[in-house]
Amino acid sequence: MVRIISSVSNPTIKRIKALYDKSSLRKSSGEFIVEGVREILRAYQAKYVLRQLIFNPYITSIESLVSIFGIEILEYDIIEVNDPIYRKLAYRENQEGLIAVFKEKSHGIADLKMQTDSSLYLVVESSEKPGNIGAMLRTAEAAGVDAVLLADIKTDLYNPNIIRSSVGAAFSTQICMASTEEIIAFLIQKNIKTYCAYLGDESQSYLSQDYQGNVAIIVGAEDDGLSIQWQHPNFQNIIIPMYGKIDSLNVSVSAGILIFEALRQRKATLS
């Protein structure tokens, strides 16, 4: 069904704009905004429930939507808006003429599925910068990580900046959100080898570790690192050696280095 909205004061337009801007509304409604063809398609293919699809006919067309999503897309609530309304809503500078409203999925630890007996997890504790979270989701997806576990996340998973910086990996990656205590209990119960990026006297180089089998790599907040709860006798502290004057890396860079070292070892065993 296609309907036309031509006023910026329309309640639907106001609500869509509010979903962009207000985390509280996203949480209370269980809905969020996705912008861009690639990201919307990934959410759609990942079986997120599509509520509304808004398009700008000056940039894209109904025929293009059918070509991208299939004829079944016409069964949804499709809204045609004029150029001024679309530009008021659009978050991106490079506009593709398409915005969608989706329903959130559940990301509780009870929903977490272990894919194999050789799963690789990334755990991110207390991260609050959407760009870093999005970048880590993108890296994790690219490396084939089985799940990303967000411990005590300090921001909204469906923040537009997370979705944008993840380039849609937020939808194609299995994500779990839980407390640090719950995730530690899960790792111990499942007997998952756990490597914590932590600067300490007993920390060992990440290059000297064995990342075969069920493995979790843990990274902490951008400013404070990992909480003391991760100092557990079953877990190994690891560091990335620094050779310059800078003594730390951006958390998303660190996560990428650790993930791809684990992937290198695991692929080498399979080859």
C-alpha atoms as a PDB file:
ATOM      1  CA  MET A   1       0.000   0.000   0.000  1.00  0.00           C
ATOM      2  CA  VAL A   2       1.382   3.385  -0.974  1.00  0.00           C
ATOM      3  CA  ARG A   3       0.186   6.580   0.650  1.00  0.00           C
ATOM      4  CA  ILE A   4       1.362  10.144   0.160  1.00  0.00           C
ATOM      5  CA  ILE A   5       2.250  12.560   2.949  1.00  0.00           C
ATOM      6  CA  SER A   6       2.949  16.150   1.952  1.00  0.00           C
ATOM      7  CA  SER A   7       3.083  18.013   5.284  1.00  0.00           C
ATOM      8  CA  VAL A   8       5.989  18.163   7.734  1.00  0.00           C
ATOM      9  CA  SER A   9       3.459  18.563  10.551  1.00  0.00           C
ATOM     10  CA  ASN A  10       1.872  15.194   9.813  1.00  0.00           C
ATOM     11  CA  PRO A  11       1.914  13.048  13.016  1.00  0.00           C
ATOM     12  CA  THR A  12       3.594  10.155  11.204  1.00  0.00           C
ATOM     13  CA  ILE A  13       6.447  12.390  10.025  1.00  0.00           C
ATOM     14  CA  LYS A  14       6.845  13.873  13.493  1.00  0.00           C
ATOM     15  CA  ARG A  15       7.018  10.403  15.027  1.00  0.00           C
ATOM     16  CA  ILE A  16       9.608   9.187  12.524  1.00  0.00           C
ATOM     17  CA  LYS A  17      11.737  12.238  13.264  1.00  0.00           C
ATOM     18  CA  ALA A  18      11.371  11.595  17.000  1.00  0.00           C
ATOM     19  CA  LEU A  19      12.505   7.968  16.552  1.00  0.00           C
ATOM     20  CA  TYR A  20      15.713   9.336  15.056  1.00  0.00           C
ATOM     21  CA  ASP A  21      16.327  11.746  17.904  1.00  0.00           C
ATOM     22  CA  LYS A  22      14.971  10.110  21.062  1.00  0.00           C
ATOM     23  CA  SER A  23      16.383   6.939  22.548  1.00  0.00           C
ATOM     24  CA  SER A  24      13.533   6.929  25.060  1.00  0.00           C
ATOM     25  CA  LEU A  25      10.951   6.667  22.266  1.00  0.00           C
ATOM     26  CA  ARG A  26      12.885   3.871  20.559  1.00  0.00           C
ATOM     27  CA  LYS A  27      12.960   1.935  23.824  1.00  0.00           C
ATOM     28  CA  SER A  28       9.326   2.532  24.744  1.00  0.00           C
ATOM     29  CA  SER A  29       7.976   1.762  21.264  1.00  0.00           C
ATOM     30  CA  GLY A  30      10.378  -1.051  20.381  1.00  0.00           C
ATOM     31  CA  GLU A  31      10.901   0.591  16.991  1.00  0.00           C
ATOM     32  CA  PHE A  32      13.897   2.164  15.314  1.00  0.00           C
ATOM     33  CA  ILE A  33      14.987   3.890  12.116  1.00  0.00           C
ATOM     34  CA  VAL A  34      17.210   2.542   9.355  1.00  0.00           C
ATOM     35  CA  GLU A  35      18.420   4.701   6.493  1.00  0.00           C
ATOM     36  CA  GLY A  36      20.039   3.591   3.240  1.00  0.00           C
ATOM     37  CA  VAL A  37      19.340   0.814   0.772  1.00  0.00           C
ATOM     38  CA  ARG A  38      22.078  -1.569   1.934  1.00  0.00           C
ATOM     39  CA  GLU A  39      21.226  -1.292   5.632  1.00  0.00           C
ATOM     40  CA  ILE A  40      17.472  -1.559   5.089  1.00  0.00           C
ATOM     41  CA  LEU A  41      17.907  -4.602   2.869  1.00  0.00           C
ATOM     42  CA  ARG A  42      20.088  -6.318   5.484  1.00  0.00           C
ATOM     43  CA  ALA A  43      17.528  -5.678   8.205  1.00  0.00           C
ATOM     44  CA  TYR A  44      14.753  -6.931   5.936  1.00  0.00           C
ATOM     45  CA  GLN A  45      16.698 -10.076   5.000  1.00  0.00           C
ATOM     46  CA  ALA A  46      17.473 -10.674   8.683  1.00  0.00           C
ATOM     47  CA  LYS A  47      13.703 -10.914   9.299  1.00  0.00           C
ATOM     48  CA  TYR A  48      13.291  -7.712  11.264  1.00  0.00           C
ATOM     49  CA  VAL A  49       9.632  -6.724  11.103  1.00  0.00           C
ATOM     50  CA  LEU A  50       9.178  -3.800   8.721  1.00  0.00           C
ATOM     51  CA  ARG A  51       6.701  -1.217   9.992  1.00  0.00           C
ATOM     52  CA  GLN A  52       7.004   1.544   7.399  1.00  0.00           C
ATOM     53  CA  LEU A  53       9.064   2.369   4.337  1.00  0.00           C
ATOM     54  CA  ILE A  54       9.439   6.033   3.412  1.00  0.00           C
ATOM     55  CA  PHE A  55      10.752   7.016  -0.007  1.00  0.00           C
ATOM     56  CA  ASN A  56      11.524  10.176  -1.911  1.00  0.00           C
ATOM     57  CA  PRO A  57      10.286   9.851  -5.539  1.00  0.00           C
ATOM     58  CA  TYR A  58      12.837  12.459  -6.630  1.00  0.00           C
ATOM     59  CA  ILE A  59      15.618  10.013  -5.704  1.00  0.00           C
ATOM     60  CA  THR A  60      14.103   6.528  -6.012  1.00  0.00           C
ATOM     61  CA  SER A  61      10.886   4.948  -7.278  1.00  0.00           C
ATOM     62  CA  ILE A  62       8.332   2.267  -6.509  1.00  0.00           C
ATOM     63  CA  GLU A  63       9.793   0.218  -9.367  1.00  0.00           C
ATOM     64  CA  SER A  64      13.220   0.381  -7.685  1.00  0.00           C
ATOM     65  CA  LEU A  65      11.746  -0.778  -4.388  1.00  0.00           C
ATOM     66  CA  VAL A  66      10.132  -3.775  -6.052  1.00  0.00           C
ATOM     67  CA  SER A  67      13.408  -4.569  -7.802  1.00  0.00           C
ATOM     68  CA  ILE A  68      15.353  -4.453  -4.532  1.00  0.00           C
ATOM     69  CA  PHE A  69      12.913  -6.066  -2.099  1.00  0.00           C
ATOM     70  CA  GLY A  70      10.561  -8.043  -4.333  1.00  0.00           C
ATOM     71  CA  ILE A  71       6.901  -7.538  -5.160  1.00  0.00           C
ATOM     72  CA  GLU A  72       5.904  -8.463  -1.597  1.00  0.00           C
ATOM     73  CA  ILE A  73       7.222  -5.086  -0.423  1.00  0.00           C
ATOM     74  CA  LEU A  74       3.986  -3.548  -1.714  1.00  0.00           C
ATOM     75  CA  GLU A  75       2.116  -5.325   1.091  1.00  0.00           C
ATOM     76  CA  TYR A  76       3.761  -3.027   3.659  1.00  0.00           C
ATOM     77  CA  ASP A  77       2.981   0.537   4.668  1.00  0.00           C
ATOM     78  CA  ILE A  78       4.891   2.539   2.056  1.00  0.00           C
ATOM     79  CA  ILE A  79       4.931   6.317   2.374  1.00  0.00           C
ATOM     80  CA  GLU A  80       5.816   8.700  -0.431  1.00  0.00           C
ATOM     81  CA  VAL A  81       7.099  12.076   0.771  1.00  0.00           C
ATOM     82  CA  ASN A  82       8.227  15.189  -1.059  1.00  0.00           C
ATOM     83  CA  ASP A  83      11.821  16.345  -1.166  1.00  0.00           C
ATOM     84  CA  PRO A  84      11.607  18.905   1.699  1.00  0.00           C
ATOM     85  CA  ILE A  85      10.090  16.327   4.073  1.00  0.00           C
ATOM     86  CA  TYR A  86      12.639  13.698   3.155  1.00  0.00           C
ATOM     87  CA  ARG A  87      15.552  16.068   3.687  1.00  0.00           C
ATOM     88  CA  LYS A  88      14.132  17.015   7.072  1.00  0.00           C
ATOM     89  CA  LEU A  89      14.113  13.341   8.049  1.00  0.00           C
ATOM     90  CA  ALA A  90      17.317  12.149   6.400  1.00  0.00           C
ATOM     91  CA  TYR A  91      20.289  11.655   8.701  1.00  0.00           C
ATOM     92  CA  ARG A  92      22.866  11.007   6.025  1.00  0.00           C
ATOM     93  CA  GLU A  93      24.560  13.482   3.761  1.00  0.00           C
ATOM     94  CA  ASN A  94      24.647  10.982   0.886  1.00  0.00           C
ATOM     95  CA  GLN A  95      20.935  10.451   0.586  1.00  0.00           C
ATOM     96  CA  GLU A  96      19.543   7.375  -1.144  1.00  0.00           C
ATOM     97  CA  GLY A  97      15.886   8.296  -0.897  1.00  0.00           C
ATOM     98  CA  LEU A  98      14.884   5.514   1.484  1.00  0.00           C
ATOM     99  CA  ILE A  99      14.127   5.376   5.226  1.00  0.00           C
ATOM    100  CA  ALA A 100      12.520   2.494   7.117  1.00  0.00           C
ATOM    101  CA  VAL A 101      10.947   1.894  10.507  1.00  0.00           C
ATOM    102  CA  PHE A 102      11.583  -1.588  11.929  1.00  0.00           C
ATOM    103  CA  LYS A 103      10.590  -3.406  15.102  1.00  0.00           C
ATOM    104  CA  GLU A 104      13.350  -4.400  17.495  1.00  0.00           C
ATOM    105  CA  LYS A 105      14.316  -8.011  18.146  1.00  0.00           C
ATOM    106  CA  SER A 106      15.043  -9.621  21.490  1.00  0.00           C
ATOM    107  CA  HIS A 107      18.741  -9.743  22.398  1.00  0.00           C
ATOM    108  CA  GLY A 108      18.656 -11.447  25.779  1.00  0.00           C
ATOM    109  CA  ILE A 109      21.260 -14.010  26.757  1.00  0.00           C
ATOM    110  CA  ALA A 110      18.553 -16.683  26.642  1.00  0.00           C
ATOM    111  CA  ASP A 111      18.260 -15.982  22.883  1.00  0.00           C
ATOM    112  CA  LEU A 112      21.971 -16.612  22.277  1.00  0.00           C
ATOM    113  CA  LYS A 113      22.646 -19.614  20.071  1.00  0.00           C
ATOM    114  CA  MET A 114      26.018 -21.360  20.070  1.00  0.00           C
ATOM    115  CA  GLN A 115      26.616 -22.153  16.428  1.00  0.00           C
ATOM    116  CA  THR A 116      29.250 -24.879  16.738  1.00  0.00           C
ATOM    117  CA  ASP A 117      31.639 -26.455  19.215  1.00  0.00           C
ATOM    118  CA  SER A 118      34.219 -23.981  17.919  1.00  0.00           C
ATOM    119  CA  SER A 119      32.476 -20.627  18.317  1.00  0.00           C
ATOM    120  CA  LEU A 120      34.200 -17.255  18.453  1.00  0.00           C
ATOM    121  CA  TYR A 121      32.667 -14.460  20.515  1.00  0.00           C
ATOM    122  CA  LEU A 122      33.480 -10.808  20.990  1.00  0.00           C
ATOM    123  CA  VAL A 123      32.428  -9.331  24.324  1.00  0.00           C
ATOM    124  CA  VAL A 124      32.314  -5.543  24.648  1.00  0.00           C
ATOM    125  CA  GLU A 125      31.858  -4.145  28.160  1.00  0.00           C
ATOM    126  CA  SER A 126      30.382  -0.738  29.047  1.00  0.00           C
ATOM    127  CA  SER A 127      30.996   0.835  25.661  1.00  0.00           C
ATOM    128  CA  GLU A 128      29.191   4.142  25.195  1.00  0.00           C
ATOM    129  CA  LYS A 129      30.448   5.497  21.868  1.00  0.00           C
ATOM    130  CA  PRO A 130      28.085   4.459  19.039  1.00  0.00           C
ATOM    131  CA  GLY A 131      30.774   4.798  16.374  1.00  0.00           C
ATOM    132  CA  ASN A 132      33.056   2.347  18.158  1.00  0.00           C
ATOM    133  CA  ILE A 133      30.255  -0.146  18.745  1.00  0.00           C
ATOM    134  CA  GLY A 134      29.223   0.027  15.101  1.00  0.00           C
ATOM    135  CA  ALA A 135      32.809  -0.420  13.944  1.00  0.00           C
ATOM    136  CA  MET A 136      33.235  -3.503  16.155  1.00  0.00           C
ATOM    137  CA  LEU A 137      30.009  -5.017  14.866  1.00  0.00           C
ATOM    138  CA  ARG A 138      31.238  -4.440  11.313  1.00  0.00           C
ATOM    139  CA  THR A 139      34.614  -6.041  12.082  1.00  0.00           C
ATOM    140  CA  ALA A 140      33.003  -8.973  13.874  1.00  0.00           C
ATOM    141  CA  GLU A 141      30.679  -9.642  10.946  1.00  0.00           C
ATOM    142  CA  ALA A 142      33.545  -9.423   8.464  1.00  0.00           C
ATOM    143  CA  ALA A 143      35.524 -11.976  10.485  1.00  0.00           C
ATOM    144  CA  GLY A 144      32.602 -14.359  10.861  1.00  0.00           C
ATOM    145  CA  VAL A 145      32.381 -13.973  14.639  1.00  0.00           C
ATOM    146  CA  ASP A 146      29.507 -16.110  15.917  1.00  0.00           C
ATOM    147  CA  ALA A 147      28.107 -13.488  18.280  1.00  0.00           C
ATOM    148  CA  VAL A 148      28.846 -10.116  19.821  1.00  0.00           C
ATOM    149  CA  LEU A 149      27.941  -9.887  23.513  1.00  0.00           C
ATOM    150  CA  LEU A 150      27.376  -6.351  24.792  1.00  0.00           C
ATOM    151  CA  ALA A 151      27.918  -6.257  28.565  1.00  0.00           C
ATOM    152  CA  ASP A 152      26.341  -3.330  30.412  1.00  0.00           C
ATOM    153  CA  ILE A 153      26.096  -1.306  27.195  1.00  0.00           C
ATOM    154  CA  LYS A 154      25.885   2.428  27.911  1.00  0.00           C
ATOM    155  CA  THR A 155      24.024   3.446  24.783  1.00  0.00           C
ATOM    156  CA  ASP A 156      21.076   2.368  22.651  1.00  0.00           C
ATOM    157  CA  LEU A 157      21.804  -0.556  20.311  1.00  0.00           C
ATOM    158  CA  TYR A 158      19.534   1.005  17.694  1.00  0.00           C
ATOM    159  CA  ASN A 159      21.174   4.411  17.839  1.00  0.00           C
ATOM    160  CA  PRO A 160      21.357   5.650  14.209  1.00  0.00           C
ATOM    161  CA  ASN A 161      25.126   6.122  14.551  1.00  0.00           C
ATOM    162  CA  ILE A 162      25.596   2.447  15.488  1.00  0.00           C
ATOM    163  CA  ILE A 163      23.540   1.314  12.513  1.00  0.00           C
ATOM    164  CA  ARG A 164      25.329   3.675  10.161  1.00  0.00           C
ATOM    165  CA  SER A 165      28.864   2.846  11.319  1.00  0.00           C
ATOM    166  CA  SER A 166      28.121  -0.890  11.273  1.00  0.00           C
ATOM    167  CA  VAL A 167      26.910  -0.602   7.634  1.00  0.00           C
ATOM    168  CA  GLY A 168      24.135  -3.029   8.464  1.00  0.00           C
ATOM    169  CA  ALA A 169      26.252  -5.545  10.387  1.00  0.00           C
ATOM    170  CA  ALA A 170      24.044  -4.780  13.381  1.00  0.00           C
ATOM    171  CA  PHE A 171      21.412  -6.888  11.616  1.00  0.00           C
ATOM    172  CA  SER A 172      23.495  -9.722  10.165  1.00  0.00           C
ATOM    173  CA  THR A 173      25.462 -10.385  13.371  1.00  0.00           C
ATOM    174  CA  GLN A 174      24.042 -12.270  16.356  1.00  0.00           C
ATOM    175  CA  ILE A 175      23.972  -9.790  19.252  1.00  0.00           C
ATOM    176  CA  CYS A 176      23.330 -10.395  22.922  1.00  0.00           C
ATOM    177  CA  MET A 177      22.862  -7.685  25.564  1.00  0.00           C
ATOM    178  CA  ALA A 178      23.217  -8.620  29.219  1.00  0.00           C
ATOM    179  CA  SER A 179      24.957  -7.629  32.428  1.00  0.00           C
ATOM    180  CA  THR A 180      28.637  -8.348  32.934  1.00  0.00           C
ATOM    181  CA  GLU A 181      27.693 -10.860  35.645  1.00  0.00           C
ATOM    182  CA  GLU A 182      25.358 -12.747  33.297  1.00  0.00           C
ATOM    183  CA  ILE A 183      27.914 -12.915  30.508  1.00  0.00           C
ATOM    184  CA  ILE A 184      30.714 -14.084  32.803  1.00  0.00           C
ATOM    185  CA  ALA A 185      28.413 -16.794  34.148  1.00  0.00           C
ATOM    186  CA  PHE A 186      27.596 -17.853  30.570  1.00  0.00           C
ATOM    187  CA  LEU A 187      31.266 -18.082  29.585  1.00  0.00           C
ATOM    188  CA  ILE A 188      32.137 -20.152  32.646  1.00  0.00           C
ATOM    189  CA  GLN A 189      29.108 -22.438  32.306  1.00  0.00           C
ATOM    190  CA  LYS A 190      29.881 -23.128  28.651  1.00  0.00           C
ATOM    191  CA  ASN A 191      33.594 -23.630  29.372  1.00  0.00           C
ATOM    192  CA  ILE A 192      34.595 -20.980  26.844  1.00  0.00           C
ATOM    193  CA  LYS A 193      38.260 -19.955  26.760  1.00  0.00           C
ATOM    194  CA  THR A 194      38.241 -16.273  27.661  1.00  0.00           C
ATOM    195  CA  TYR A 195      40.898 -13.708  26.771  1.00  0.00           C
ATOM    196  CA  CYS A 196      40.578 -10.264  28.355  1.00  0.00           C
ATOM    197  CA  ALA A 197      42.309  -7.237  26.843  1.00  0.00           C
ATOM    198  CA  TYR A 198      43.716  -5.903  30.110  1.00  0.00           C
ATOM    199  CA  LEU A 199      46.934  -4.079  30.942  1.00  0.00           C
ATOM    200  CA  GLY A 200      48.404  -5.768  34.005  1.00  0.00           C
ATOM    201  CA  ASP A 201      51.547  -7.409  35.378  1.00  0.00           C
ATOM    202  CA  GLU A 202      50.328 -10.897  34.444  1.00  0.00           C
ATOM    203  CA  SER A 203      49.067  -9.980  30.978  1.00  0.00           C
ATOM    204  CA  GLN A 204      50.600 -11.900  28.096  1.00  0.00           C
ATOM    205  CA  SER A 205      51.012 -10.987  24.433  1.00  0.00           C
ATOM    206  CA  TYR A 206      47.943 -11.761  22.366  1.00  0.00           C
ATOM    207  CA  LEU A 207      50.238 -13.482  19.864  1.00  0.00           C
ATOM    208  CA  SER A 208      51.218 -16.208  22.364  1.00  0.00           C
ATOM    209  CA  GLN A 209      47.685 -17.509  22.916  1.00  0.00           C
ATOM    210  CA  ASP A 210      45.725 -20.428  21.481  1.00  0.00           C
ATOM    211  CA  TYR A 211      42.423 -19.344  19.957  1.00  0.00           C
ATOM    212  CA  GLN A 212      41.167 -22.764  18.933  1.00  0.00           C
ATOM    213  CA  GLY A 213      37.824 -24.116  20.131  1.00  0.00           C
ATOM    214  CA  ASN A 214      35.180 -22.036  21.871  1.00  0.00           C
ATOM    215  CA  VAL A 215      36.802 -18.656  22.486  1.00  0.00           C
ATOM    216  CA  ALA A 216      35.690 -15.260  23.761  1.00  0.00           C
ATOM    217  CA  ILE A 217      37.684 -12.060  23.343  1.00  0.00           C
ATOM    218  CA  ILE A 218      36.814  -9.349  25.855  1.00  0.00           C
ATOM    219  CA  VAL A 219      37.387  -5.617  25.372  1.00  0.00           C
ATOM    220  CA  GLY A 220      36.408  -2.809  27.712  1.00  0.00           C
ATOM    221  CA  ALA A 221      35.171   0.750  27.738  1.00  0.00           C
ATOM    222  CA  GLU A 222      36.964   3.420  25.741  1.00  0.00           C
ATOM    223  CA  ASP A 223      38.246   5.296  28.808  1.00  0.00           C
ATOM    224  CA  ASP A 224      38.233   2.890  31.741  1.00  0.00           C
ATOM    225  CA  GLY A 225      38.907  -0.499  30.165  1.00  0.00           C
ATOM    226  CA  LEU A 226      37.518  -3.669  31.699  1.00  0.00           C
ATOM    227  CA  SER A 227      35.925  -3.775  35.135  1.00  0.00           C
ATOM    228  CA  ILE A 228      37.514  -5.704  37.984  1.00  0.00           C
ATOM    229  CA  GLN A 229      34.921  -8.463  37.537  1.00  0.00           C
ATOM    230  CA  TRP A 230      36.944  -9.827  34.632  1.00  0.00           C
ATOM    231  CA  GLN A 231      39.904 -10.614  36.892  1.00  0.00           C
ATOM    232  CA  HIS A 232      38.896 -14.243  37.167  1.00  0.00           C
ATOM    233  CA  PRO A 233      41.242 -17.234  37.577  1.00  0.00           C
ATOM    234  CA  ASN A 234      39.651 -18.943  34.569  1.00  0.00           C
ATOM    235  CA  PHE A 235      40.393 -16.017  32.275  1.00  0.00           C
ATOM    236  CA  GLN A 236      43.667 -14.981  30.634  1.00  0.00           C
ATOM    237  CA  ASN A 237      44.688 -11.321  30.414  1.00  0.00           C
ATOM    238  CA  ILE A 238      46.250 -10.340  27.108  1.00  0.00           C
ATOM    239  CA  ILE A 239      47.849  -7.207  25.687  1.00  0.00           C
ATOM    240  CA  ILE A 240      48.775  -5.860  22.279  1.00  0.00           C
ATOM    241  CA  PRO A 241      52.427  -4.775  22.603  1.00  0.00           C
ATOM    242  CA  MET A 242      53.035  -1.081  21.897  1.00  0.00           C
ATOM    243  CA  TYR A 243      56.256   0.092  20.230  1.00  0.00           C
ATOM    244  CA  GLY A 244      55.678   3.827  20.035  1.00  0.00           C
ATOM    245  CA  LYS A 245      55.016   6.507  22.610  1.00  0.00           C
ATOM    246  CA  ILE A 246      51.258   5.882  22.539  1.00  0.00           C
ATOM    247  CA  ASP A 247      50.333   3.239  25.125  1.00  0.00           C
ATOM    248  CA  SER A 248      46.844   2.292  23.925  1.00  0.00           C
ATOM    249  CA  LEU A 249      44.683   1.871  20.835  1.00  0.00           C
ATOM    250  CA  ASN A 250      41.104   2.753  20.007  1.00  0.00           C
ATOM    251  CA  VAL A 251      38.928  -0.084  21.325  1.00  0.00           C
ATOM    252  CA  SER A 252      37.534  -0.918  17.883  1.00  0.00           C
ATOM    253  CA  VAL A 253      41.079  -1.172  16.475  1.00  0.00           C
ATOM    254  CA  SER A 254      42.158  -3.394  19.365  1.00  0.00           C
ATOM    255  CA  ALA A 255      39.132  -5.632  18.894  1.00  0.00           C
ATOM    256  CA  GLY A 256      39.907  -5.957  15.177  1.00  0.00           C
ATOM    257  CA  ILE A 257      43.527  -6.963  15.821  1.00  0.00           C
ATOM    258  CA  LEU A 258      42.532  -9.606  18.364  1.00  0.00           C
ATOM    259  CA  ILE A 259      39.660 -11.000  16.311  1.00  0.00           C
ATOM    260  CA  PHE A 260      41.694 -11.388  13.164  1.00  0.00           C
ATOM    261  CA  GLU A 261      44.585 -13.050  14.997  1.00  0.00           C
ATOM    262  CA  ALA A 262      42.074 -15.577  16.325  1.00  0.00           C
ATOM    263  CA  LEU A 263      40.666 -15.991  12.829  1.00  0.00           C
ATOM    264  CA  ARG A 264      44.176 -16.449  11.356  1.00  0.00           C
ATOM    265  CA  GLN A 265      44.928 -19.271  13.770  1.00  0.00           C
ATOM    266  CA  ARG A 266      41.600 -20.954  13.255  1.00  0.00           C
ATOM    267  CA  LYS A 267      41.803 -20.752   9.459  1.00  0.00           C
ATOM    268  CA  ALA A 268      45.364 -22.035   9.486  1.00  0.00           C
ATOM    269  CA  THR A 269      44.196 -25.143  11.355  1.00  0.00           C
ATOM    270  CA  LEU A 270      41.460 -25.770   8.798  1.00  0.00           C
ATOM    271  CA  SER A 271      43.704 -25.304   5.755  1.00  0.00           C
END
